[in-house]
N, C-alpha and C. Protein backbone atom coordinates (compact mmCIF):
# COMPACT_ATOMS: atom_id res chain seq x y z
N MET A 1 -18.09 -19.15 -5.35
CA MET A 1 -17.85 -19.66 -4.11
C MET A 1 -16.51 -19.82 -3.91
N PRO A 2 -15.81 -19.34 -2.88
CA PRO A 2 -14.17 -19.52 -3.00
C PRO A 2 -13.91 -21.11 -2.80
N ILE A 3 -12.76 -21.24 -3.52
CA ILE A 3 -12.03 -22.32 -3.15
C ILE A 3 -11.46 -22.56 -1.97
N ARG A 4 -11.52 -23.59 -1.36
CA ARG A 4 -11.06 -23.79 0.19
C ARG A 4 -9.61 -24.79 0.15
N PHE A 5 -8.80 -24.35 0.38
CA PHE A 5 -7.55 -25.08 0.57
C PHE A 5 -7.43 -25.86 1.88
N PRO A 6 -6.89 -27.09 2.04
CA PRO A 6 -6.75 -27.58 3.52
C PRO A 6 -5.36 -27.18 3.98
N LEU A 7 -5.66 -26.73 5.23
CA LEU A 7 -4.43 -26.28 5.96
C LEU A 7 -3.20 -27.22 6.60
N HIS A 8 -2.43 -27.36 5.25
CA HIS A 8 -1.52 -28.60 5.55
C HIS A 8 0.13 -27.99 6.13
N THR A 9 0.05 -26.65 6.15
CA THR A 9 1.46 -26.24 6.58
C THR A 9 1.23 -25.63 7.87
N PRO A 10 2.14 -25.65 8.62
CA PRO A 10 2.11 -24.67 10.11
C PRO A 10 1.78 -23.33 9.63
N ALA A 11 2.60 -22.73 8.71
CA ALA A 11 2.19 -21.41 8.20
C ALA A 11 0.57 -21.13 8.28
N LYS A 12 0.03 -22.13 7.39
CA LYS A 12 -1.25 -21.89 6.76
C LYS A 12 -2.27 -21.80 8.24
N ARG A 13 -1.83 -22.99 9.18
CA ARG A 13 -2.71 -23.08 10.19
C ARG A 13 -2.53 -21.81 11.28
N LEU A 14 -1.35 -21.29 11.43
CA LEU A 14 -0.89 -20.05 11.98
C LEU A 14 -1.70 -18.84 11.48
N MET A 15 -1.78 -18.62 10.07
CA MET A 15 -2.60 -17.53 9.57
C MET A 15 -4.12 -17.79 9.82
N ALA A 16 -4.41 -18.99 9.85
CA ALA A 16 -5.83 -18.96 10.02
C ALA A 16 -6.37 -18.76 11.52
N ARG A 17 -5.40 -18.88 12.43
CA ARG A 17 -5.82 -18.58 13.97
C ARG A 17 -5.43 -17.11 14.22
N ALA A 18 -4.86 -16.33 13.23
CA ALA A 18 -4.40 -15.03 13.38
C ALA A 18 -5.53 -14.05 13.61
N PRO A 19 -5.50 -13.03 14.84
CA PRO A 19 -6.80 -12.45 15.14
C PRO A 19 -7.12 -11.61 13.79
N GLN A 20 -8.50 -11.04 13.68
CA GLN A 20 -9.02 -10.54 12.60
C GLN A 20 -8.48 -9.12 12.43
N GLY A 21 -7.77 -9.06 11.18
CA GLY A 21 -6.98 -7.94 10.86
C GLY A 21 -5.71 -7.68 11.28
N SER A 22 -5.30 -8.83 11.73
CA SER A 22 -3.96 -8.51 12.18
C SER A 22 -2.97 -8.65 11.01
N LEU A 23 -3.23 -9.21 10.16
CA LEU A 23 -1.98 -9.36 8.90
C LEU A 23 -2.14 -7.92 8.18
N LYS A 24 -3.30 -7.29 8.00
CA LYS A 24 -3.30 -5.86 7.34
C LYS A 24 -2.74 -5.09 8.50
N PHE A 25 -2.99 -5.23 9.76
CA PHE A 25 -2.41 -4.04 10.69
C PHE A 25 -0.91 -4.54 10.71
N LEU A 26 -0.34 -5.63 10.57
CA LEU A 26 1.17 -5.74 10.34
C LEU A 26 1.76 -5.36 9.32
N SER A 27 1.26 -5.27 7.79
CA SER A 27 1.45 -4.53 6.70
C SER A 27 1.38 -3.23 7.07
N VAL A 28 0.38 -2.59 7.53
CA VAL A 28 0.46 -1.12 7.80
C VAL A 28 1.54 -0.68 8.55
N GLY A 29 1.80 -1.55 9.43
CA GLY A 29 2.89 -1.31 10.69
C GLY A 29 4.30 -1.07 9.78
N VAL A 30 4.31 -2.24 9.00
CA VAL A 30 5.76 -2.15 8.12
C VAL A 30 5.59 -0.61 7.37
N THR A 31 4.68 -0.60 6.55
CA THR A 31 4.54 0.87 5.96
C THR A 31 4.89 2.08 6.69
N GLY A 32 4.26 2.03 8.09
CA GLY A 32 4.66 3.17 8.90
C GLY A 32 6.11 3.01 9.32
N LEU A 33 6.81 1.98 9.54
CA LEU A 33 8.18 1.66 9.89
C LEU A 33 8.87 2.38 8.63
N ALA A 34 8.57 1.96 7.25
CA ALA A 34 9.27 2.49 6.24
C ALA A 34 9.18 4.01 6.16
N VAL A 35 7.95 4.59 6.24
CA VAL A 35 7.88 6.08 6.45
C VAL A 35 8.74 6.57 7.47
N HIS A 36 8.71 6.18 8.69
CA HIS A 36 9.45 6.56 9.59
C HIS A 36 10.98 6.58 9.45
N SER A 37 11.60 5.48 8.93
CA SER A 37 13.01 5.51 8.60
C SER A 37 13.42 6.28 7.79
N LEU A 38 12.61 6.32 6.70
CA LEU A 38 12.89 7.16 5.28
C LEU A 38 12.86 8.71 5.79
N LEU A 39 11.66 9.05 6.40
CA LEU A 39 11.81 10.57 6.57
C LEU A 39 12.74 10.95 7.57
N PHE A 40 13.12 9.90 8.70
CA PHE A 40 14.22 10.18 9.72
C PHE A 40 15.34 10.38 9.11
N THR A 41 15.86 9.47 8.20
CA THR A 41 16.87 9.74 7.51
C THR A 41 16.95 10.91 6.80
N ALA A 42 16.05 11.30 6.08
CA ALA A 42 15.83 12.59 5.05
C ALA A 42 16.22 13.92 5.94
N LEU A 43 15.53 13.74 7.07
CA LEU A 43 15.49 14.92 8.14
C LEU A 43 16.88 15.15 8.76
N PHE A 44 17.54 13.85 9.26
CA PHE A 44 18.68 13.96 9.93
C PHE A 44 19.95 13.85 8.99
N LYS A 45 19.96 13.49 8.04
CA LYS A 45 21.22 13.27 7.23
C LYS A 45 21.10 14.49 5.92
N GLY A 46 19.61 14.42 5.30
CA GLY A 46 19.50 15.21 4.36
C GLY A 46 19.56 16.94 4.68
N LEU A 47 18.88 17.33 5.88
CA LEU A 47 18.67 18.50 6.47
C LEU A 47 19.23 18.91 7.60
N GLY A 48 20.02 17.76 8.22
CA GLY A 48 20.80 18.21 9.30
C GLY A 48 20.15 18.35 10.50
N LEU A 49 18.87 18.02 10.68
CA LEU A 49 18.04 18.06 12.08
C LEU A 49 18.83 17.17 13.09
N GLY A 50 18.76 17.52 14.32
CA GLY A 50 19.05 16.79 15.41
C GLY A 50 18.56 15.38 15.45
N ASP A 51 19.00 14.50 16.03
CA ASP A 51 18.54 12.96 16.03
C ASP A 51 17.06 12.95 16.64
N THR A 52 16.97 13.60 17.81
CA THR A 52 15.73 13.67 18.59
C THR A 52 14.75 14.18 17.78
N GLY A 53 15.04 15.43 17.14
CA GLY A 53 13.94 16.19 16.25
C GLY A 53 13.52 15.50 15.21
N ALA A 54 14.51 15.09 14.53
CA ALA A 54 14.04 14.11 13.44
C ALA A 54 13.20 12.98 13.48
N TRP A 55 13.55 12.33 14.69
CA TRP A 55 12.99 10.92 15.01
C TRP A 55 11.55 11.42 15.30
N LEU A 56 11.32 12.61 16.40
CA LEU A 56 9.84 12.73 16.42
C LEU A 56 9.19 13.33 15.51
N ILE A 57 9.62 14.21 14.69
CA ILE A 57 8.96 14.41 13.50
C ILE A 57 8.59 13.30 12.45
N ALA A 58 9.51 12.36 12.16
CA ALA A 58 9.19 11.64 11.40
C ALA A 58 8.14 10.40 12.14
N LEU A 59 8.25 10.24 13.58
CA LEU A 59 7.38 9.29 14.01
C LEU A 59 5.85 9.82 13.93
N GLY A 60 5.75 11.33 13.91
CA GLY A 60 4.59 12.03 13.85
C GLY A 60 4.00 11.72 12.61
N VAL A 61 4.66 12.00 11.24
CA VAL A 61 4.22 11.77 10.23
C VAL A 61 3.88 10.20 9.79
N ALA A 62 4.66 9.31 10.27
CA ALA A 62 4.45 7.99 10.31
C ALA A 62 3.11 7.57 11.05
N THR A 63 2.89 8.27 12.15
CA THR A 63 1.68 7.86 13.16
C THR A 63 0.27 8.32 12.31
N GLY A 64 0.59 9.35 11.44
CA GLY A 64 -0.58 9.83 10.75
C GLY A 64 -0.95 8.92 9.39
N VAL A 65 0.26 8.45 9.04
CA VAL A 65 0.20 7.65 7.80
C VAL A 65 -0.65 6.28 8.30
N THR A 66 -0.15 5.77 9.35
CA THR A 66 -0.81 4.47 9.88
C THR A 66 -2.11 4.63 10.31
N TRP A 67 -2.41 5.67 11.07
CA TRP A 67 -3.89 5.88 11.38
C TRP A 67 -4.81 5.83 10.21
N THR A 68 -4.25 6.50 9.10
CA THR A 68 -5.03 6.78 8.22
C THR A 68 -5.32 5.55 7.40
N LEU A 69 -4.33 4.62 7.18
CA LEU A 69 -4.33 3.37 6.49
C LEU A 69 -5.18 2.28 7.37
N ASN A 70 -4.95 2.31 8.50
CA ASN A 70 -5.52 1.47 9.58
C ASN A 70 -7.13 1.87 9.57
N ARG A 71 -7.32 3.12 9.75
CA ARG A 71 -8.93 3.28 9.44
C ARG A 71 -9.38 2.99 8.36
N ARG A 72 -8.67 3.03 7.06
CA ARG A 72 -9.47 2.62 5.91
C ARG A 72 -9.45 1.31 5.57
N LEU A 73 -8.32 0.54 5.89
CA LEU A 73 -8.12 -0.73 5.36
C LEU A 73 -7.97 -1.79 6.35
N THR A 74 -7.97 -1.58 7.68
CA THR A 74 -7.88 -2.63 8.78
C THR A 74 -8.92 -2.48 9.60
N PHE A 75 -9.36 -1.47 10.04
CA PHE A 75 -10.65 -1.75 11.12
C PHE A 75 -11.82 -1.01 10.59
N ALA A 76 -12.96 -1.38 11.17
CA ALA A 76 -14.26 -0.72 10.76
C ALA A 76 -14.25 0.72 11.55
N PRO A 77 -15.11 1.49 10.66
CA PRO A 77 -15.28 2.73 11.61
C PRO A 77 -15.67 2.71 12.84
N SER A 78 -14.99 3.50 13.88
CA SER A 78 -15.42 3.47 14.96
C SER A 78 -16.79 4.23 15.58
N GLY A 79 -17.24 5.01 14.54
CA GLY A 79 -18.31 5.94 14.70
C GLY A 79 -18.02 7.24 15.62
N ARG A 80 -16.65 7.56 15.89
CA ARG A 80 -16.25 8.75 16.64
C ARG A 80 -15.81 9.68 15.51
N GLY A 81 -15.72 10.95 15.91
CA GLY A 81 -15.40 11.79 14.95
C GLY A 81 -13.65 11.65 14.47
N HIS A 82 -13.25 12.21 13.83
CA HIS A 82 -11.91 12.13 13.21
C HIS A 82 -10.91 12.48 14.67
N LEU A 83 -11.16 13.52 15.01
CA LEU A 83 -10.17 14.21 15.86
C LEU A 83 -10.18 13.25 17.16
N ALA A 84 -11.18 12.69 17.61
CA ALA A 84 -11.37 11.85 18.85
C ALA A 84 -10.60 10.48 18.67
N GLU A 85 -10.95 9.92 17.57
CA GLU A 85 -10.30 8.80 17.12
C GLU A 85 -8.86 8.75 16.84
N ALA A 86 -8.38 9.93 16.29
CA ALA A 86 -6.86 10.32 16.07
C ALA A 86 -6.47 10.72 17.56
N MET A 87 -6.94 11.14 18.21
CA MET A 87 -6.28 11.41 19.78
C MET A 87 -6.22 9.99 20.36
N ARG A 88 -7.39 8.98 20.41
CA ARG A 88 -6.98 7.55 20.82
C ARG A 88 -5.91 6.98 20.21
N TYR A 89 -5.72 7.15 18.79
CA TYR A 89 -4.71 6.39 18.14
C TYR A 89 -3.35 7.06 18.57
N VAL A 90 -3.03 8.03 18.79
CA VAL A 90 -1.93 8.74 19.21
C VAL A 90 -1.72 8.24 20.48
N LEU A 91 -2.51 8.02 21.58
CA LEU A 91 -2.30 7.74 22.67
C LEU A 91 -1.94 6.30 22.87
N VAL A 92 -2.67 5.33 22.07
CA VAL A 92 -2.29 4.11 22.08
C VAL A 92 -0.62 3.92 21.29
N THR A 93 -0.27 4.71 20.35
CA THR A 93 1.07 4.66 19.93
C THR A 93 1.84 5.19 20.68
N GLY A 94 1.65 6.22 21.43
CA GLY A 94 2.64 6.58 22.62
C GLY A 94 2.89 5.62 23.23
N VAL A 95 2.12 5.13 23.94
CA VAL A 95 2.20 4.05 24.95
C VAL A 95 3.04 2.72 24.24
N SER A 96 2.49 2.29 22.87
CA SER A 96 3.21 1.20 22.41
C SER A 96 4.71 1.71 22.17
N GLN A 97 5.00 2.92 21.91
CA GLN A 97 6.54 3.27 21.71
C GLN A 97 7.04 3.05 22.95
N GLY A 98 6.54 3.76 24.14
CA GLY A 98 7.11 3.40 25.32
C GLY A 98 7.35 2.27 25.75
N ILE A 99 6.46 1.13 25.37
CA ILE A 99 6.63 -0.30 25.72
C ILE A 99 8.05 -0.66 24.84
N SER A 100 7.75 -0.38 23.61
CA SER A 100 8.96 -0.78 22.82
C SER A 100 10.37 -0.32 23.44
N TYR A 101 10.51 0.79 23.52
CA TYR A 101 11.73 1.37 24.24
C TYR A 101 12.29 0.88 25.48
N GLY A 102 10.94 0.64 26.32
CA GLY A 102 11.38 -0.01 27.49
C GLY A 102 12.01 -1.51 27.49
N VAL A 103 11.32 -2.25 26.62
CA VAL A 103 11.68 -3.69 26.60
C VAL A 103 13.33 -3.74 25.98
N PHE A 104 13.33 -2.65 24.96
CA PHE A 104 14.65 -2.37 24.37
C PHE A 104 15.58 -2.04 25.58
N LEU A 105 15.48 -1.37 26.22
CA LEU A 105 16.28 -0.88 27.39
C LEU A 105 16.71 -2.06 28.43
N GLY A 106 15.42 -2.64 28.86
CA GLY A 106 15.62 -3.82 29.70
C GLY A 106 16.46 -4.83 29.21
N LEU A 107 16.25 -5.30 27.97
CA LEU A 107 17.09 -6.28 27.43
C LEU A 107 18.58 -5.90 27.55
N GLY A 108 18.94 -4.47 27.18
CA GLY A 108 20.10 -4.19 27.34
C GLY A 108 20.87 -4.33 28.82
N ILE A 109 19.92 -4.22 29.68
CA ILE A 109 20.43 -4.31 31.13
C ILE A 109 20.70 -5.84 31.60
N GLU A 110 19.28 -6.57 31.14
CA GLU A 110 19.54 -8.06 31.55
C GLU A 110 20.05 -9.05 30.60
N ALA A 111 20.18 -8.63 29.37
CA ALA A 111 21.08 -9.22 28.51
C ALA A 111 21.62 -8.65 27.78
N PRO A 112 22.77 -8.05 28.04
CA PRO A 112 23.86 -7.23 27.64
C PRO A 112 24.66 -7.91 26.36
N HIS A 113 24.62 -9.28 26.54
CA HIS A 113 25.39 -9.83 25.16
C HIS A 113 24.45 -9.92 24.13
N LEU A 114 23.03 -9.74 24.41
CA LEU A 114 22.03 -9.76 23.24
C LEU A 114 22.23 -8.56 21.89
N PRO A 115 22.48 -9.12 20.86
CA PRO A 115 22.68 -7.76 19.96
C PRO A 115 21.38 -6.88 19.99
N ARG A 116 21.89 -5.59 19.86
CA ARG A 116 21.01 -4.42 20.31
C ARG A 116 19.99 -4.27 18.97
N THR A 117 20.17 -4.79 17.75
CA THR A 117 19.22 -5.11 16.73
C THR A 117 18.03 -6.09 17.29
N LEU A 118 18.50 -7.13 17.76
CA LEU A 118 17.59 -8.02 17.98
C LEU A 118 16.79 -7.65 19.36
N ALA A 119 17.36 -6.76 20.23
CA ALA A 119 16.49 -6.19 21.32
C ALA A 119 15.47 -5.41 20.87
N LEU A 120 15.95 -4.56 19.61
CA LEU A 120 15.08 -3.48 19.12
C LEU A 120 13.82 -4.56 18.53
N ILE A 121 13.89 -5.35 17.97
CA ILE A 121 12.93 -6.08 17.27
C ILE A 121 12.16 -6.81 18.25
N VAL A 122 12.80 -7.21 19.35
CA VAL A 122 12.02 -7.86 20.38
C VAL A 122 11.02 -6.96 20.76
N GLY A 123 11.58 -5.33 21.32
CA GLY A 123 10.59 -4.46 21.74
C GLY A 123 9.69 -4.18 20.83
N ALA A 124 9.94 -4.21 19.61
CA ALA A 124 8.73 -3.99 18.63
C ALA A 124 7.71 -4.87 18.48
N GLY A 125 8.03 -6.18 18.74
CA GLY A 125 7.20 -7.15 18.68
C GLY A 125 6.34 -7.29 20.02
N VAL A 126 6.87 -7.14 20.90
CA VAL A 126 6.07 -6.75 22.19
C VAL A 126 5.00 -5.58 22.31
N ALA A 127 5.46 -4.41 21.65
CA ALA A 127 4.57 -3.41 21.44
C ALA A 127 3.64 -3.61 20.52
N THR A 128 3.86 -4.36 19.39
CA THR A 128 2.88 -4.56 18.34
C THR A 128 1.58 -5.40 18.86
N VAL A 129 1.90 -6.27 19.80
CA VAL A 129 0.78 -7.12 20.36
C VAL A 129 -0.28 -5.96 21.33
N PHE A 130 0.63 -5.20 22.15
CA PHE A 130 -0.26 -3.99 22.84
C PHE A 130 -0.87 -3.08 21.96
N SER A 131 -0.18 -2.75 20.87
CA SER A 131 -0.69 -1.50 19.85
C SER A 131 -1.98 -2.21 19.08
N TYR A 132 -1.78 -3.55 18.51
CA TYR A 132 -2.97 -4.18 17.85
C TYR A 132 -4.29 -4.14 18.84
N THR A 133 -4.08 -4.64 20.22
CA THR A 133 -4.87 -4.85 20.89
C THR A 133 -5.54 -3.47 21.27
N GLY A 134 -4.86 -2.44 21.59
CA GLY A 134 -5.28 -1.08 21.84
C GLY A 134 -6.24 -0.53 20.89
N GLN A 135 -5.93 -0.86 19.52
CA GLN A 135 -6.25 -0.03 18.25
C GLN A 135 -7.55 -0.77 18.21
N ARG A 136 -7.60 -2.32 18.28
CA ARG A 136 -8.92 -2.91 18.01
C ARG A 136 -9.90 -2.67 19.01
N PHE A 137 -9.62 -2.48 20.09
CA PHE A 137 -10.54 -2.35 21.22
C PHE A 137 -10.70 -1.22 21.96
N PHE A 138 -9.76 -0.22 21.80
CA PHE A 138 -9.89 0.92 22.36
C PHE A 138 -10.15 2.14 21.27
N THR A 139 -9.05 2.03 20.18
CA THR A 139 -9.26 3.18 19.16
C THR A 139 -10.52 3.01 18.50
N PHE A 140 -10.61 1.82 17.63
CA PHE A 140 -11.69 1.74 16.81
C PHE A 140 -12.77 1.09 17.03
N ALA A 141 -13.01 0.77 18.57
CA ALA A 141 -13.94 0.09 18.84
C ALA A 141 -15.36 0.99 18.90
N ALA A 142 -16.59 0.72 18.51
CA ALA A 142 -17.50 1.44 18.55
C ALA A 142 -18.04 2.06 20.13
N PRO A 143 -18.21 3.19 20.17
CA PRO A 143 -18.53 3.89 21.72
C PRO A 143 -19.94 3.04 21.94
N LYS A 144 -19.70 3.00 23.54
CA LYS A 144 -20.80 2.14 24.14
C LYS A 144 -21.49 2.87 25.08
N THR A 145 -22.85 2.66 25.24
CA THR A 145 -23.73 3.18 26.11
C THR A 145 -23.24 2.92 27.58
N ILE A 146 -24.00 3.27 28.60
CA ILE A 146 -23.32 3.27 29.87
C ILE A 146 -24.01 1.70 30.45
N THR A 147 -24.81 1.02 29.51
CA THR A 147 -25.12 -0.45 29.84
C THR A 147 -23.97 -1.24 28.90
N GLY A 148 -23.23 -0.70 28.21
CA GLY A 148 -22.10 -1.59 27.25
C GLY A 148 -22.82 -1.93 25.95
N GLU A 149 -23.94 -1.25 25.56
CA GLU A 149 -24.42 -1.46 24.09
C GLU A 149 -23.53 -0.51 23.32
N PRO A 150 -23.32 -1.00 22.14
CA PRO A 150 -22.44 -0.23 21.16
C PRO A 150 -23.68 1.07 20.77
N VAL A 151 -23.12 2.10 20.73
CA VAL A 151 -23.74 3.38 19.99
C VAL A 151 -24.20 3.08 18.48
N ILE A 152 -25.34 3.12 18.26
CA ILE A 152 -25.81 3.27 16.89
C ILE A 152 -26.47 4.63 16.40
N SER A 153 -25.83 5.06 15.48
CA SER A 153 -26.34 6.27 14.85
C SER A 153 -26.42 6.50 13.77
N ASP A 154 -27.61 7.20 13.29
CA ASP A 154 -27.90 7.28 11.67
C ASP A 154 -27.12 8.55 11.25
N ILE A 155 -26.60 9.42 12.14
CA ILE A 155 -25.84 10.63 11.88
C ILE A 155 -24.49 10.18 11.23
N PRO A 156 -24.30 10.67 10.06
CA PRO A 156 -22.70 10.34 9.44
C PRO A 156 -21.83 11.13 10.39
N VAL A 157 -20.76 10.44 10.38
CA VAL A 157 -19.58 11.24 11.30
C VAL A 157 -18.51 11.49 10.30
N ALA A 158 -18.30 12.76 10.27
CA ALA A 158 -17.12 13.19 9.31
C ALA A 158 -15.81 13.17 9.83
């Protein structure tokens, strides 16, 4: 039987209220950010690719890494095939990236005095909330019948 510790600190109380899987999701996201940043730097500075091309290639690789990690560590299998699930993941990630960039641009217009790095972090934070919600309830949610019941199959999905 696990030992239970009382929730004395605000951080412990906050952790206890975090949505299921959110801490793993954030850890996977930090890993994805590291992959994106490192690969972007290698392609841009090391190979001399343009910044847009390097950013897009690095984002594609990081998205593949985070989908794989989230599929294995964060969320239960959805029951969909890999391709269908991956396409849903890419869709949610693309919208999340758009939200992040939109918040970044909006803060630049509405609060031009705000440091750009802070605007980037705020944009990423807003996008993370959308991304977690989309991945949990769209990408990795079990398919449902017309009446809303989860589809349960004894056929393994590869």
